[in-house]
Amino acid sequence: MSIAYNTIGLIQSGTYKDWYILIKPLTNAAETSYQVFLCTDQSFQFDPAQRQTFDSWQPNLLSLEGLIEDEYPAIEWQPEVKLAQTAVTSTKPRLTERLRQQVNKTDSEEQRA
């Protein structure tokens, strides 16, 4: 099984045949998890009126491999297709960073009181 990260792939068979897939590794101190994005076109822009999109999170490589084997058995990776900058990249801090900022703010407020 071939898995390409940060590369758009076209699903060749299964329930999501002719959908596009994008796998992004998410690394933290413990291990790498994976965010899997699917879209009916290669833009990966969320726009319910024009296309279907969804994503899933896989906690480790074994889980990711199982998902691909079960749901997306054949993927044609297309490295020549470039993802739009705004598609999956967010300008807001990640959720964990925002939570950390909120906790630090609350701790600071409690120390002043």
N, C-alpha and C. Protein backbone atom coordinates (compact mmCIF):
# COMPACT_ATOMS: atom_id res chain seq x y z
N MET A 1 0.84 -1.18 0.00
CA MET A 1 0.00 0.00 0.00
C MET A 1 0.89 1.24 0.00
N SER A 2 0.57 2.14 -0.87
CA SER A 2 1.32 3.39 -0.99
C SER A 2 0.51 4.52 -0.36
N ILE A 3 1.15 5.26 0.56
CA ILE A 3 0.50 6.42 1.17
C ILE A 3 1.39 7.63 0.91
N ALA A 4 0.80 8.67 0.35
CA ALA A 4 1.53 9.91 0.11
C ALA A 4 0.93 10.99 1.01
N TYR A 5 1.77 11.69 1.73
CA TYR A 5 1.31 12.75 2.63
C TYR A 5 1.39 14.10 1.92
N ASN A 6 0.44 14.97 2.26
CA ASN A 6 0.40 16.32 1.69
C ASN A 6 0.35 16.29 0.16
N THR A 7 -0.24 15.24 -0.38
CA THR A 7 -0.37 15.06 -1.82
C THR A 7 -1.80 14.68 -2.13
N ILE A 8 -2.36 15.26 -3.15
CA ILE A 8 -3.73 14.94 -3.54
C ILE A 8 -3.75 13.61 -4.28
N GLY A 9 -4.73 12.78 -3.93
CA GLY A 9 -4.91 11.51 -4.61
C GLY A 9 -6.33 11.37 -5.12
N LEU A 10 -6.50 10.63 -6.19
CA LEU A 10 -7.82 10.35 -6.74
C LEU A 10 -8.16 8.91 -6.38
N ILE A 11 -9.27 8.72 -5.68
CA ILE A 11 -9.69 7.39 -5.25
C ILE A 11 -10.25 6.65 -6.46
N GLN A 12 -9.69 5.46 -6.72
CA GLN A 12 -10.00 4.70 -7.92
C GLN A 12 -11.11 3.66 -7.73
N SER A 13 -11.39 3.26 -6.48
CA SER A 13 -12.42 2.25 -6.25
C SER A 13 -13.00 2.40 -4.85
N GLY A 14 -14.10 1.70 -4.62
CA GLY A 14 -14.74 1.76 -3.31
C GLY A 14 -15.89 2.75 -3.29
N THR A 15 -16.42 2.97 -2.11
CA THR A 15 -17.56 3.86 -1.91
C THR A 15 -17.30 5.27 -2.41
N TYR A 16 -16.07 5.75 -2.25
CA TYR A 16 -15.74 7.12 -2.61
C TYR A 16 -14.97 7.22 -3.93
N LYS A 17 -15.25 6.30 -4.83
CA LYS A 17 -14.61 6.32 -6.15
C LYS A 17 -14.81 7.69 -6.81
N ASP A 18 -13.75 8.21 -7.39
CA ASP A 18 -13.71 9.51 -8.07
C ASP A 18 -13.72 10.70 -7.11
N TRP A 19 -13.60 10.48 -5.83
CA TRP A 19 -13.39 11.55 -4.87
C TRP A 19 -11.89 11.78 -4.75
N TYR A 20 -11.51 12.91 -4.17
CA TYR A 20 -10.11 13.23 -3.95
C TYR A 20 -9.80 13.09 -2.47
N ILE A 21 -8.57 12.67 -2.17
CA ILE A 21 -8.13 12.44 -0.80
C ILE A 21 -6.84 13.21 -0.55
N LEU A 22 -6.69 13.69 0.68
CA LEU A 22 -5.48 14.39 1.10
C LEU A 22 -5.20 13.96 2.54
N ILE A 23 -3.98 13.51 2.80
CA ILE A 23 -3.61 13.04 4.14
C ILE A 23 -2.52 13.96 4.69
N LYS A 24 -2.80 14.53 5.85
CA LYS A 24 -1.83 15.42 6.50
C LYS A 24 -1.39 14.81 7.82
N PRO A 25 -0.08 14.60 8.01
CA PRO A 25 0.40 14.11 9.30
C PRO A 25 0.36 15.23 10.34
N LEU A 26 -0.03 14.90 11.55
CA LEU A 26 -0.07 15.84 12.66
C LEU A 26 0.88 15.31 13.73
N THR A 27 1.98 15.98 13.95
CA THR A 27 2.99 15.47 14.87
C THR A 27 2.93 16.21 16.20
N ASN A 28 2.94 15.42 17.28
CA ASN A 28 3.06 16.00 18.62
C ASN A 28 4.18 15.25 19.34
N ALA A 29 4.36 15.50 20.61
CA ALA A 29 5.46 14.90 21.35
C ALA A 29 5.35 13.38 21.44
N ALA A 30 4.14 12.85 21.52
CA ALA A 30 3.96 11.41 21.73
C ALA A 30 4.12 10.62 20.43
N GLU A 31 3.35 10.96 19.42
CA GLU A 31 3.40 10.24 18.16
C GLU A 31 2.72 11.05 17.06
N THR A 32 2.73 10.52 15.87
CA THR A 32 2.10 11.19 14.74
C THR A 32 0.70 10.64 14.55
N SER A 33 -0.26 11.55 14.43
CA SER A 33 -1.62 11.17 14.04
C SER A 33 -1.84 11.75 12.64
N TYR A 34 -3.01 11.48 12.07
CA TYR A 34 -3.24 11.86 10.67
C TYR A 34 -4.63 12.44 10.48
N GLN A 35 -4.73 13.49 9.72
CA GLN A 35 -6.00 14.07 9.32
C GLN A 35 -6.22 13.69 7.86
N VAL A 36 -7.37 13.07 7.59
CA VAL A 36 -7.69 12.60 6.24
C VAL A 36 -8.84 13.45 5.71
N PHE A 37 -8.63 14.13 4.62
CA PHE A 37 -9.63 14.99 4.00
C PHE A 37 -10.13 14.34 2.72
N LEU A 38 -11.44 14.39 2.49
CA LEU A 38 -12.02 13.92 1.24
C LEU A 38 -12.87 15.02 0.64
N CYS A 39 -12.89 15.11 -0.68
CA CYS A 39 -13.67 16.13 -1.37
C CYS A 39 -14.05 15.61 -2.75
N THR A 40 -15.19 16.06 -3.25
CA THR A 40 -15.63 15.61 -4.57
C THR A 40 -14.85 16.28 -5.70
N ASP A 41 -14.07 17.31 -5.38
CA ASP A 41 -13.15 17.86 -6.38
C ASP A 41 -11.82 18.19 -5.71
N GLN A 42 -10.83 18.48 -6.48
CA GLN A 42 -9.49 18.65 -5.94
C GLN A 42 -9.24 19.98 -5.26
N SER A 43 -10.26 20.82 -5.11
CA SER A 43 -10.07 22.12 -4.47
C SER A 43 -9.99 22.02 -2.95
N PHE A 44 -10.69 21.05 -2.36
CA PHE A 44 -10.77 20.88 -0.91
C PHE A 44 -11.30 22.13 -0.21
N GLN A 45 -12.12 22.89 -0.90
CA GLN A 45 -12.79 24.05 -0.31
C GLN A 45 -14.16 23.63 0.21
N PHE A 46 -14.50 24.00 1.44
CA PHE A 46 -15.79 23.65 2.00
C PHE A 46 -16.84 24.59 1.43
N ASP A 47 -17.72 24.04 0.64
CA ASP A 47 -18.81 24.80 0.04
C ASP A 47 -19.95 23.82 -0.25
N PRO A 48 -20.84 23.59 0.74
CA PRO A 48 -21.88 22.57 0.59
C PRO A 48 -22.75 22.72 -0.65
N ALA A 49 -22.90 23.92 -1.15
CA ALA A 49 -23.75 24.13 -2.33
C ALA A 49 -23.09 23.57 -3.60
N GLN A 50 -21.76 23.48 -3.61
CA GLN A 50 -21.07 23.07 -4.83
C GLN A 50 -20.37 21.72 -4.75
N ARG A 51 -20.00 21.28 -3.54
CA ARG A 51 -19.25 20.02 -3.44
C ARG A 51 -19.45 19.39 -2.07
N GLN A 52 -19.15 18.11 -1.99
CA GLN A 52 -19.21 17.42 -0.72
C GLN A 52 -17.79 17.31 -0.17
N THR A 53 -17.64 17.53 1.13
CA THR A 53 -16.34 17.39 1.79
C THR A 53 -16.54 16.80 3.17
N PHE A 54 -15.54 16.11 3.66
CA PHE A 54 -15.51 15.71 5.06
C PHE A 54 -14.09 15.30 5.41
N ASP A 55 -13.84 15.16 6.71
CA ASP A 55 -12.52 14.74 7.14
C ASP A 55 -12.66 13.76 8.30
N SER A 56 -11.58 13.06 8.57
CA SER A 56 -11.53 12.16 9.72
C SER A 56 -10.13 12.23 10.32
N TRP A 57 -10.04 11.85 11.57
CA TRP A 57 -8.77 11.86 12.29
C TRP A 57 -8.39 10.43 12.61
N GLN A 58 -7.15 10.07 12.35
CA GLN A 58 -6.65 8.73 12.65
C GLN A 58 -5.52 8.87 13.67
N PRO A 59 -5.60 8.17 14.80
CA PRO A 59 -4.65 8.38 15.89
C PRO A 59 -3.24 7.86 15.65
N ASN A 60 -3.07 6.94 14.67
CA ASN A 60 -1.73 6.40 14.42
C ASN A 60 -1.67 5.80 13.01
N LEU A 61 -0.48 5.36 12.62
CA LEU A 61 -0.28 4.84 11.27
C LEU A 61 -1.07 3.56 11.04
N LEU A 62 -1.14 2.70 12.04
CA LEU A 62 -1.89 1.45 11.90
C LEU A 62 -3.36 1.72 11.60
N SER A 63 -3.94 2.68 12.30
CA SER A 63 -5.33 3.08 12.07
C SER A 63 -5.51 3.67 10.68
N LEU A 64 -4.56 4.50 10.26
CA LEU A 64 -4.61 5.10 8.92
C LEU A 64 -4.55 4.03 7.84
N GLU A 65 -3.64 3.09 7.99
CA GLU A 65 -3.51 2.02 7.00
C GLU A 65 -4.79 1.18 6.92
N GLY A 66 -5.41 0.91 8.09
CA GLY A 66 -6.66 0.16 8.11
C GLY A 66 -7.78 0.91 7.41
N LEU A 67 -7.87 2.22 7.66
CA LEU A 67 -8.90 3.04 7.01
C LEU A 67 -8.72 3.01 5.49
N ILE A 68 -7.50 3.21 5.04
CA ILE A 68 -7.25 3.23 3.59
C ILE A 68 -7.56 1.86 2.98
N GLU A 69 -7.13 0.81 3.62
CA GLU A 69 -7.38 -0.54 3.10
C GLU A 69 -8.88 -0.84 3.00
N ASP A 70 -9.65 -0.42 4.01
CA ASP A 70 -11.08 -0.70 4.05
C ASP A 70 -11.90 0.23 3.16
N GLU A 71 -11.60 1.52 3.19
CA GLU A 71 -12.46 2.51 2.55
C GLU A 71 -11.95 3.01 1.19
N TYR A 72 -10.65 3.08 1.01
CA TYR A 72 -10.06 3.66 -0.20
C TYR A 72 -8.99 2.72 -0.75
N PRO A 73 -9.38 1.54 -1.23
CA PRO A 73 -8.41 0.50 -1.58
C PRO A 73 -7.47 0.85 -2.74
N ALA A 74 -7.84 1.75 -3.60
CA ALA A 74 -6.97 2.13 -4.72
C ALA A 74 -6.96 3.64 -4.85
N ILE A 75 -5.77 4.22 -4.70
CA ILE A 75 -5.61 5.68 -4.81
C ILE A 75 -4.51 5.96 -5.83
N GLU A 76 -4.81 6.85 -6.75
CA GLU A 76 -3.80 7.32 -7.70
C GLU A 76 -3.30 8.67 -7.22
N TRP A 77 -2.08 8.70 -6.68
CA TRP A 77 -1.52 9.93 -6.14
C TRP A 77 -1.13 10.86 -7.29
N GLN A 78 -1.43 12.13 -7.14
CA GLN A 78 -1.24 13.11 -8.20
C GLN A 78 -0.36 14.27 -7.71
N PRO A 79 0.95 14.05 -7.63
CA PRO A 79 1.82 15.09 -7.09
C PRO A 79 1.84 16.37 -7.92
N GLU A 80 1.43 16.27 -9.18
CA GLU A 80 1.43 17.47 -10.03
C GLU A 80 0.29 18.42 -9.69
N VAL A 81 -0.73 17.93 -8.97
CA VAL A 81 -1.86 18.78 -8.58
C VAL A 81 -1.50 19.47 -7.28
N LYS A 82 -1.47 20.78 -7.30
CA LYS A 82 -1.11 21.56 -6.11
C LYS A 82 -2.36 22.01 -5.38
N LEU A 83 -2.30 21.92 -4.08
CA LEU A 83 -3.41 22.33 -3.22
C LEU A 83 -3.40 23.85 -3.06
N ALA A 84 -4.57 24.45 -3.15
CA ALA A 84 -4.68 25.90 -2.93
C ALA A 84 -4.24 26.22 -1.51
N GLN A 85 -3.56 27.31 -1.30
CA GLN A 85 -3.05 27.69 0.01
C GLN A 85 -4.14 27.76 1.07
N THR A 86 -5.31 28.21 0.70
CA THR A 86 -6.36 28.42 1.69
C THR A 86 -7.18 27.19 1.97
N ALA A 87 -6.96 26.11 1.26
CA ALA A 87 -7.84 24.95 1.37
C ALA A 87 -7.83 24.32 2.76
N VAL A 88 -6.72 23.83 3.23
CA VAL A 88 -6.71 23.11 4.50
C VAL A 88 -5.92 23.88 5.55
N THR A 89 -5.15 24.85 5.13
CA THR A 89 -4.34 25.61 6.05
C THR A 89 -5.18 26.70 6.70
N SER A 90 -5.16 26.71 8.00
CA SER A 90 -5.95 27.70 8.74
C SER A 90 -5.03 28.82 9.23
N THR A 91 -5.54 30.04 9.26
CA THR A 91 -4.76 31.15 9.78
C THR A 91 -4.93 31.29 11.28
N LYS A 92 -5.94 30.63 11.83
CA LYS A 92 -6.15 30.66 13.28
C LYS A 92 -5.23 29.64 13.93
N PRO A 93 -4.84 29.91 15.19
CA PRO A 93 -4.02 28.91 15.89
C PRO A 93 -4.80 27.61 16.03
N ARG A 94 -4.07 26.53 16.08
CA ARG A 94 -4.71 25.24 16.26
C ARG A 94 -5.45 25.21 17.59
N LEU A 95 -6.41 24.32 17.70
CA LEU A 95 -7.25 24.23 18.88
C LEU A 95 -6.43 24.09 20.15
N THR A 96 -5.42 23.24 20.14
CA THR A 96 -4.62 23.05 21.35
C THR A 96 -3.92 24.34 21.76
N GLU A 97 -3.43 25.09 20.78
CA GLU A 97 -2.77 26.35 21.10
C GLU A 97 -3.77 27.36 21.67
N ARG A 98 -4.97 27.40 21.11
CA ARG A 98 -5.98 28.32 21.64
C ARG A 98 -6.38 27.94 23.06
N LEU A 99 -6.51 26.63 23.33
CA LEU A 99 -6.83 26.19 24.69
C LEU A 99 -5.70 26.54 25.65
N ARG A 100 -4.46 26.34 25.22
CA ARG A 100 -3.31 26.68 26.06
C ARG A 100 -3.31 28.17 26.38
N GLN A 101 -3.61 29.01 25.40
CA GLN A 101 -3.66 30.46 25.62
C GLN A 101 -4.76 30.81 26.62
N GLN A 102 -5.92 30.15 26.51
CA GLN A 102 -7.03 30.42 27.42
C GLN A 102 -6.67 30.01 28.85
N VAL A 103 -6.04 28.84 29.00
CA VAL A 103 -5.63 28.38 30.33
C VAL A 103 -4.61 29.33 30.93
N ASN A 104 -3.63 29.76 30.14
CA ASN A 104 -2.63 30.70 30.64
C ASN A 104 -3.27 32.02 31.05
N LYS A 105 -4.25 32.48 30.29
CA LYS A 105 -4.94 33.72 30.60
C LYS A 105 -5.71 33.57 31.91
N THR A 106 -6.40 32.45 32.09
CA THR A 106 -7.17 32.20 33.31
C THR A 106 -6.24 32.10 34.51
N ASP A 107 -5.11 31.41 34.35
CA ASP A 107 -4.13 31.28 35.44
C ASP A 107 -3.60 32.65 35.84
N SER A 108 -3.30 33.51 34.89
CA SER A 108 -2.80 34.86 35.17
C SER A 108 -3.83 35.67 35.92
N GLU A 109 -5.08 35.57 35.52
CA GLU A 109 -6.15 36.31 36.18
C GLU A 109 -6.32 35.85 37.63
N GLU A 110 -6.21 34.54 37.86
CA GLU A 110 -6.36 34.01 39.21
C GLU A 110 -5.19 34.45 40.11
N GLN A 111 -4.00 34.53 39.56
CA GLN A 111 -2.84 34.94 40.35
C GLN A 111 -2.95 36.41 40.74
N ARG A 112 -3.56 37.23 39.92
CA ARG A 112 -3.72 38.67 40.23
C ARG A 112 -4.80 38.89 41.28
N ALA A 113 -5.75 37.99 41.36
CA ALA A 113 -6.88 38.17 42.30
C ALA A 113 -6.52 37.84 43.72
